[in-house]
Amino acid sequence: MADEKADAAVEVNSIDVYTEKKKKKKKKKTRSNTLNFNKFIYQILKQVHPKIAISSASVELINTYTIKLMMILIQETWEVPNLQLDNSQLQTADRELIATVRVLFPPQLAELAVSAICKAKHTYRVSYLADLLDRNMSLK
């Protein structure tokens, strides 16, 4: 009888220890507020050159350059002359971004960037319309 109580106590204690370990492991992951394009840089490299490897320091350098370039584009977009932006308009249209790209980049690179902007805009609109159609079809 005493052995059964001891076995039951060991089982209860082992279950408690197991659940405590499980609770300790369930910590929430916190996201950092910094921009990080490392995953995308690596994916693009593998699409262009599948056999070439890249170090994490190189990826961080490209990431830093990308963030700086984006910040310059955003700052210059707000300073483009002949734009009638008011403080209530927080988003820039594609025409402001295209004008900024044409000012900042050399002509050949600017044309590539403009075509990429137009392609991204078209892809976004197509996916947005497809989502709207899916929602409307599910409502009927």
N, C-alpha and C. Protein backbone atom coordinates (compact mmCIF):
# COMPACT_ATOMS: atom_id res chain seq x y z
N MET A 1 0.83 -1.19 0.00
CA MET A 1 0.00 0.00 0.00
C MET A 1 0.87 1.25 0.00
N ALA A 2 1.92 1.21 0.79
CA ALA A 2 2.82 2.35 0.88
C ALA A 2 3.57 2.54 -0.43
N ASP A 3 3.90 1.40 -1.09
CA ASP A 3 4.60 1.47 -2.37
C ASP A 3 3.72 2.11 -3.44
N GLU A 4 2.42 1.82 -3.43
CA GLU A 4 1.50 2.39 -4.41
C GLU A 4 1.40 3.90 -4.23
N LYS A 5 1.36 4.37 -3.00
CA LYS A 5 1.31 5.80 -2.73
C LYS A 5 2.60 6.49 -3.17
N ALA A 6 3.70 5.82 -2.94
CA ALA A 6 4.99 6.38 -3.36
C ALA A 6 5.08 6.45 -4.88
N ASP A 7 4.62 5.39 -5.57
CA ASP A 7 4.61 5.39 -7.04
C ASP A 7 3.70 6.50 -7.58
N ALA A 8 2.54 6.67 -6.96
CA ALA A 8 1.61 7.72 -7.39
C ALA A 8 2.22 9.09 -7.17
N ALA A 9 2.91 9.26 -6.05
CA ALA A 9 3.54 10.55 -5.76
C ALA A 9 4.65 10.83 -6.77
N VAL A 10 5.40 9.82 -7.15
CA VAL A 10 6.46 10.01 -8.14
C VAL A 10 5.86 10.39 -9.49
N GLU A 11 4.75 9.73 -9.86
CA GLU A 11 4.11 10.04 -11.13
C GLU A 11 3.59 11.48 -11.13
N VAL A 12 2.95 11.88 -10.04
CA VAL A 12 2.42 13.24 -9.95
C VAL A 12 3.56 14.25 -10.01
N ASN A 13 4.63 13.99 -9.27
CA ASN A 13 5.77 14.91 -9.27
C ASN A 13 6.43 14.98 -10.65
N SER A 14 6.55 13.86 -11.34
CA SER A 14 7.17 13.88 -12.66
C SER A 14 6.29 14.63 -13.66
N ILE A 15 4.98 14.51 -13.53
CA ILE A 15 4.07 15.25 -14.41
C ILE A 15 4.18 16.74 -14.13
N ASP A 16 4.25 17.12 -12.87
CA ASP A 16 4.39 18.53 -12.51
C ASP A 16 5.69 19.11 -13.06
N VAL A 17 6.77 18.36 -12.95
CA VAL A 17 8.06 18.82 -13.47
C VAL A 17 7.99 18.97 -14.98
N TYR A 18 7.34 18.01 -15.64
CA TYR A 18 7.21 18.05 -17.10
C TYR A 18 6.41 19.27 -17.55
N THR A 19 5.28 19.57 -16.87
CA THR A 19 4.46 20.72 -17.27
C THR A 19 5.17 22.02 -16.96
N GLU A 20 5.97 22.06 -15.89
CA GLU A 20 6.72 23.28 -15.58
C GLU A 20 7.77 23.55 -16.64
N LYS A 21 8.45 22.49 -17.11
CA LYS A 21 9.43 22.67 -18.18
C LYS A 21 8.75 23.15 -19.46
N LYS A 22 7.58 22.59 -19.72
CA LYS A 22 6.85 22.98 -20.93
C LYS A 22 6.43 24.45 -20.86
N LYS A 23 6.01 24.90 -19.68
CA LYS A 23 5.59 26.29 -19.50
C LYS A 23 6.76 27.24 -19.69
N LYS A 24 7.93 26.83 -19.22
CA LYS A 24 9.11 27.69 -19.35
C LYS A 24 9.52 27.85 -20.80
N LYS A 25 9.31 26.84 -21.62
CA LYS A 25 9.71 26.89 -23.02
C LYS A 25 8.79 27.76 -23.86
N LYS A 26 7.57 28.02 -23.40
CA LYS A 26 6.60 28.77 -24.19
C LYS A 26 6.76 30.27 -24.00
N LYS A 27 7.91 30.80 -24.36
CA LYS A 27 8.12 32.24 -24.30
C LYS A 27 7.71 32.85 -25.63
N LYS A 28 7.14 34.03 -25.57
CA LYS A 28 6.74 34.71 -26.80
C LYS A 28 7.96 35.27 -27.51
N LYS A 29 7.93 35.14 -28.82
CA LYS A 29 9.00 35.73 -29.61
C LYS A 29 8.69 37.21 -29.83
N THR A 30 9.65 38.04 -29.59
CA THR A 30 9.45 39.47 -29.80
C THR A 30 10.08 39.87 -31.12
N ARG A 31 9.41 40.72 -31.84
CA ARG A 31 9.92 41.20 -33.11
C ARG A 31 10.68 42.50 -32.89
N SER A 32 11.75 42.63 -33.62
CA SER A 32 12.48 43.89 -33.54
C SER A 32 11.83 44.90 -34.49
N ASN A 33 11.98 46.15 -34.19
CA ASN A 33 11.36 47.19 -34.99
C ASN A 33 12.24 47.63 -36.17
N THR A 34 13.36 46.97 -36.38
CA THR A 34 14.24 47.35 -37.47
C THR A 34 13.85 46.63 -38.74
N LEU A 35 14.10 47.28 -39.86
CA LEU A 35 13.85 46.65 -41.14
C LEU A 35 14.91 45.60 -41.40
N ASN A 36 14.49 44.49 -41.96
CA ASN A 36 15.42 43.42 -42.22
C ASN A 36 15.05 42.75 -43.54
N PHE A 37 15.94 42.87 -44.52
CA PHE A 37 15.71 42.28 -45.84
C PHE A 37 16.65 41.10 -46.09
N ASN A 38 17.24 40.54 -45.05
CA ASN A 38 18.23 39.48 -45.23
C ASN A 38 17.67 38.28 -45.98
N LYS A 39 16.47 37.87 -45.62
CA LYS A 39 15.85 36.72 -46.26
C LYS A 39 15.66 36.96 -47.75
N PHE A 40 15.22 38.15 -48.11
CA PHE A 40 14.95 38.47 -49.51
C PHE A 40 16.24 38.61 -50.31
N ILE A 41 17.26 39.16 -49.68
CA ILE A 41 18.57 39.29 -50.35
C ILE A 41 19.10 37.91 -50.68
N TYR A 42 19.00 36.99 -49.74
CA TYR A 42 19.48 35.64 -49.95
C TYR A 42 18.67 34.95 -51.05
N GLN A 43 17.33 35.12 -51.04
CA GLN A 43 16.48 34.50 -52.06
C GLN A 43 16.82 35.01 -53.45
N ILE A 44 17.03 36.31 -53.59
CA ILE A 44 17.36 36.88 -54.90
C ILE A 44 18.71 36.39 -55.37
N LEU A 45 19.68 36.29 -54.47
CA LEU A 45 20.99 35.77 -54.84
C LEU A 45 20.87 34.34 -55.35
N LYS A 46 20.07 33.52 -54.68
CA LYS A 46 19.91 32.13 -55.10
C LYS A 46 19.15 32.01 -56.42
N GLN A 47 18.27 32.97 -56.73
CA GLN A 47 17.59 32.96 -58.02
C GLN A 47 18.55 33.31 -59.14
N VAL A 48 19.43 34.28 -58.89
CA VAL A 48 20.34 34.75 -59.92
C VAL A 48 21.54 33.82 -60.06
N HIS A 49 22.17 33.48 -58.94
CA HIS A 49 23.36 32.62 -58.93
C HIS A 49 23.17 31.50 -57.91
N PRO A 50 22.59 30.38 -58.30
CA PRO A 50 22.28 29.33 -57.33
C PRO A 50 23.50 28.68 -56.67
N LYS A 51 24.65 28.69 -57.33
CA LYS A 51 25.81 27.99 -56.79
C LYS A 51 26.70 28.85 -55.90
N ILE A 52 26.44 30.15 -55.85
CA ILE A 52 27.29 31.07 -55.09
C ILE A 52 26.75 31.22 -53.67
N ALA A 53 27.66 31.19 -52.69
CA ALA A 53 27.30 31.41 -51.29
C ALA A 53 27.61 32.86 -50.92
N ILE A 54 27.01 33.32 -49.84
CA ILE A 54 27.24 34.69 -49.37
C ILE A 54 27.35 34.66 -47.85
N SER A 55 28.27 35.45 -47.32
CA SER A 55 28.46 35.49 -45.87
C SER A 55 27.39 36.37 -45.23
N SER A 56 27.18 36.17 -43.95
CA SER A 56 26.17 36.96 -43.24
C SER A 56 26.59 38.42 -43.15
N ALA A 57 27.90 38.68 -43.09
CA ALA A 57 28.38 40.07 -43.05
C ALA A 57 28.05 40.78 -44.36
N SER A 58 28.19 40.08 -45.47
CA SER A 58 27.86 40.67 -46.77
C SER A 58 26.37 40.95 -46.88
N VAL A 59 25.57 40.03 -46.38
CA VAL A 59 24.12 40.23 -46.41
C VAL A 59 23.75 41.43 -45.55
N GLU A 60 24.37 41.57 -44.39
CA GLU A 60 24.10 42.73 -43.53
C GLU A 60 24.51 44.04 -44.21
N LEU A 61 25.62 44.02 -44.93
CA LEU A 61 26.06 45.21 -45.65
C LEU A 61 25.05 45.60 -46.73
N ILE A 62 24.58 44.62 -47.49
CA ILE A 62 23.57 44.89 -48.53
C ILE A 62 22.27 45.35 -47.88
N ASN A 63 21.91 44.77 -46.75
CA ASN A 63 20.71 45.17 -46.03
C ASN A 63 20.80 46.63 -45.59
N THR A 64 21.93 47.02 -45.05
CA THR A 64 22.13 48.41 -44.61
C THR A 64 22.03 49.36 -45.79
N TYR A 65 22.66 48.99 -46.91
CA TYR A 65 22.60 49.83 -48.10
C TYR A 65 21.17 49.96 -48.61
N THR A 66 20.43 48.86 -48.59
CA THR A 66 19.04 48.88 -49.05
C THR A 66 18.18 49.80 -48.19
N ILE A 67 18.37 49.73 -46.89
CA ILE A 67 17.59 50.57 -45.98
C ILE A 67 17.93 52.05 -46.19
N LYS A 68 19.22 52.35 -46.34
CA LYS A 68 19.61 53.74 -46.59
C LYS A 68 19.03 54.25 -47.89
N LEU A 69 19.05 53.42 -48.92
CA LEU A 69 18.50 53.81 -50.22
C LEU A 69 16.99 54.06 -50.12
N MET A 70 16.30 53.22 -49.38
CA MET A 70 14.87 53.43 -49.20
C MET A 70 14.58 54.72 -48.44
N MET A 71 15.38 55.02 -47.43
CA MET A 71 15.19 56.26 -46.68
C MET A 71 15.43 57.49 -47.56
N ILE A 72 16.44 57.42 -48.40
CA ILE A 72 16.71 58.53 -49.33
C ILE A 72 15.55 58.69 -50.30
N LEU A 73 15.03 57.58 -50.82
CA LEU A 73 13.89 57.66 -51.74
C LEU A 73 12.68 58.28 -51.06
N ILE A 74 12.42 57.90 -49.83
CA ILE A 74 11.27 58.45 -49.12
C ILE A 74 11.45 59.95 -48.87
N GLN A 75 12.64 60.35 -48.45
CA GLN A 75 12.88 61.76 -48.19
C GLN A 75 12.78 62.58 -49.48
N GLU A 76 13.35 62.08 -50.55
CA GLU A 76 13.32 62.81 -51.81
C GLU A 76 11.91 62.85 -52.41
N THR A 77 11.13 61.81 -52.17
CA THR A 77 9.77 61.79 -52.69
C THR A 77 8.95 62.93 -52.10
N TRP A 78 9.16 63.22 -50.84
CA TRP A 78 8.41 64.30 -50.20
C TRP A 78 8.92 65.67 -50.63
N GLU A 79 10.12 65.73 -51.23
CA GLU A 79 10.68 67.01 -51.64
C GLU A 79 10.57 67.26 -53.14
N VAL A 80 9.88 66.38 -53.87
CA VAL A 80 9.74 66.56 -55.32
C VAL A 80 8.91 67.82 -55.56
N PRO A 81 9.41 68.73 -56.43
CA PRO A 81 8.65 69.94 -56.69
C PRO A 81 7.37 69.65 -57.48
N ASN A 82 6.46 70.58 -57.42
CA ASN A 82 5.18 70.52 -58.13
C ASN A 82 4.27 69.39 -57.63
N LEU A 83 4.49 68.94 -56.41
CA LEU A 83 3.58 67.97 -55.82
C LEU A 83 2.66 68.70 -54.87
N GLN A 84 1.42 68.36 -54.93
CA GLN A 84 0.45 69.00 -54.05
C GLN A 84 0.06 68.00 -52.96
N LEU A 85 0.98 67.79 -52.04
CA LEU A 85 0.74 66.87 -50.93
C LEU A 85 0.35 67.67 -49.70
N ASP A 86 -0.66 67.21 -49.01
CA ASP A 86 -1.00 67.84 -47.75
C ASP A 86 -0.64 66.87 -46.62
N ASN A 87 -0.72 67.34 -45.40
CA ASN A 87 -0.30 66.52 -44.27
C ASN A 87 -1.22 65.33 -44.04
N SER A 88 -2.45 65.38 -44.53
CA SER A 88 -3.36 64.27 -44.32
C SER A 88 -3.04 63.10 -45.26
N GLN A 89 -2.29 63.36 -46.33
CA GLN A 89 -1.96 62.30 -47.27
C GLN A 89 -0.65 61.65 -46.83
N LEU A 90 -0.76 60.44 -46.26
CA LEU A 90 0.42 59.77 -45.74
C LEU A 90 1.09 58.86 -46.76
N GLN A 91 0.34 58.41 -47.75
CA GLN A 91 0.91 57.51 -48.75
C GLN A 91 1.27 58.30 -50.00
N THR A 92 2.37 57.90 -50.61
CA THR A 92 2.75 58.54 -51.86
C THR A 92 2.25 57.69 -53.02
N ALA A 93 1.88 58.35 -54.07
CA ALA A 93 1.41 57.63 -55.25
C ALA A 93 2.61 57.15 -56.06
N ASP A 94 2.35 56.28 -57.00
CA ASP A 94 3.44 55.74 -57.80
C ASP A 94 4.08 56.81 -58.67
N ARG A 95 3.34 57.83 -59.06
CA ARG A 95 3.94 58.87 -59.92
C ARG A 95 5.00 59.68 -59.18
N GLU A 96 4.79 59.92 -57.86
CA GLU A 96 5.81 60.62 -57.08
C GLU A 96 7.07 59.77 -56.94
N LEU A 97 6.86 58.48 -56.72
CA LEU A 97 7.99 57.58 -56.59
C LEU A 97 8.76 57.46 -57.91
N ILE A 98 8.04 57.40 -59.01
CA ILE A 98 8.69 57.33 -60.33
C ILE A 98 9.48 58.59 -60.61
N ALA A 99 8.91 59.75 -60.25
CA ALA A 99 9.63 61.01 -60.46
C ALA A 99 10.90 61.06 -59.62
N THR A 100 10.84 60.58 -58.40
CA THR A 100 12.02 60.56 -57.53
C THR A 100 13.08 59.62 -58.07
N VAL A 101 12.67 58.45 -58.53
CA VAL A 101 13.63 57.48 -59.07
C VAL A 101 14.33 58.06 -60.30
N ARG A 102 13.59 58.75 -61.13
CA ARG A 102 14.20 59.34 -62.33
C ARG A 102 15.19 60.45 -61.99
N VAL A 103 14.97 61.14 -60.87
CA VAL A 103 15.89 62.18 -60.45
C VAL A 103 17.16 61.58 -59.83
N LEU A 104 17.00 60.55 -59.00
CA LEU A 104 18.12 60.03 -58.23
C LEU A 104 19.05 59.08 -59.01
N PHE A 105 18.50 58.27 -59.88
CA PHE A 105 19.28 57.22 -60.53
C PHE A 105 19.72 57.61 -61.93
N PRO A 106 20.77 56.96 -62.43
CA PRO A 106 21.16 57.16 -63.83
C PRO A 106 20.05 56.67 -64.76
N PRO A 107 20.01 57.16 -66.01
CA PRO A 107 18.87 56.87 -66.89
C PRO A 107 18.56 55.39 -67.10
N GLN A 108 19.56 54.56 -67.35
CA GLN A 108 19.29 53.14 -67.60
C GLN A 108 18.75 52.44 -66.36
N LEU A 109 19.35 52.74 -65.23
CA LEU A 109 18.90 52.14 -63.98
C LEU A 109 17.51 52.66 -63.60
N ALA A 110 17.25 53.92 -63.90
CA ALA A 110 15.94 54.51 -63.60
C ALA A 110 14.85 53.82 -64.41
N GLU A 111 15.13 53.52 -65.68
CA GLU A 111 14.13 52.85 -66.50
C GLU A 111 13.82 51.46 -65.97
N LEU A 112 14.84 50.74 -65.52
CA LEU A 112 14.61 49.43 -64.91
C LEU A 112 13.78 49.54 -63.64
N ALA A 113 14.09 50.54 -62.83
CA ALA A 113 13.35 50.74 -61.58
C ALA A 113 11.90 51.13 -61.85
N VAL A 114 11.68 51.97 -62.85
CA VAL A 114 10.31 52.38 -63.19
C VAL A 114 9.51 51.18 -63.67
N SER A 115 10.13 50.34 -64.49
CA SER A 115 9.41 49.15 -64.96
C SER A 115 9.10 48.21 -63.80
N ALA A 116 10.01 48.11 -62.82
CA ALA A 116 9.76 47.28 -61.64
C ALA A 116 8.63 47.86 -60.80
N ILE A 117 8.56 49.18 -60.70
CA ILE A 117 7.47 49.82 -59.95
C ILE A 117 6.13 49.53 -60.62
N CYS A 118 6.09 49.67 -61.94
CA CYS A 118 4.85 49.41 -62.67
C CYS A 118 4.43 47.94 -62.55
N LYS A 119 5.40 47.04 -62.62
CA LYS A 119 5.10 45.61 -62.49
C LYS A 119 4.56 45.30 -61.10
N ALA A 120 5.17 45.88 -60.06
CA ALA A 120 4.72 45.64 -58.69
C ALA A 120 3.31 46.19 -58.48
N LYS A 121 3.05 47.36 -59.06
CA LYS A 121 1.72 47.97 -58.94
C LYS A 121 0.68 47.09 -59.62
N HIS A 122 1.00 46.57 -60.80
CA HIS A 122 0.08 45.71 -61.53
C HIS A 122 -0.18 44.41 -60.76
N THR A 123 0.88 43.81 -60.23
CA THR A 123 0.74 42.56 -59.47
C THR A 123 -0.11 42.78 -58.23
N TYR A 124 0.10 43.91 -57.55
CA TYR A 124 -0.69 44.21 -56.36
C TYR A 124 -2.16 44.38 -56.72
N ARG A 125 -2.44 45.09 -57.80
CA ARG A 125 -3.83 45.31 -58.18
C ARG A 125 -4.51 44.01 -58.58
N VAL A 126 -3.80 43.15 -59.30
CA VAL A 126 -4.38 41.87 -59.72
C VAL A 126 -4.70 41.01 -58.49
N SER A 127 -3.77 40.94 -57.55
CA SER A 127 -4.01 40.13 -56.35
C SER A 127 -5.13 40.74 -55.50
N TYR A 128 -5.19 42.07 -55.45
CA TYR A 128 -6.24 42.74 -54.70
C TYR A 128 -7.61 42.45 -55.31
N LEU A 129 -7.70 42.53 -56.63
CA LEU A 129 -8.97 42.24 -57.30
C LEU A 129 -9.36 40.78 -57.14
N ALA A 130 -8.38 39.88 -57.19
CA ALA A 130 -8.67 38.46 -56.99
C ALA A 130 -9.22 38.22 -55.59
N ASP A 131 -8.66 38.90 -54.60
CA ASP A 131 -9.17 38.76 -53.23
C ASP A 131 -10.60 39.28 -53.12
N LEU A 132 -10.87 40.40 -53.78
CA LEU A 132 -12.23 40.94 -53.76
C LEU A 132 -13.22 39.97 -54.40
N LEU A 133 -12.83 39.38 -55.54
CA LEU A 133 -13.71 38.41 -56.19
C LEU A 133 -13.95 37.18 -55.32
N ASP A 134 -12.91 36.71 -54.66
CA ASP A 134 -13.06 35.56 -53.77
C ASP A 134 -14.01 35.87 -52.62
N ARG A 135 -13.90 37.08 -52.06
CA ARG A 135 -14.80 37.46 -50.97
C ARG A 135 -16.24 37.56 -51.45
N ASN A 136 -16.44 38.15 -52.63
CA ASN A 136 -17.80 38.29 -53.15
C ASN A 136 -18.41 36.95 -53.48
N MET A 137 -17.59 36.03 -54.01
CA MET A 137 -18.13 34.71 -54.36
C MET A 137 -18.48 33.92 -53.09
N SER A 138 -17.71 34.11 -52.01
CA SER A 138 -17.99 33.38 -50.79
C SER A 138 -19.22 33.93 -50.08
N LEU A 139 -19.56 35.20 -50.31
CA LEU A 139 -20.73 35.79 -49.69
C LEU A 139 -22.04 35.30 -50.33
N LYS A 140 -21.97 34.91 -51.59
CA LYS A 140 -23.20 34.49 -52.29
C LYS A 140 -23.62 33.10 -51.97
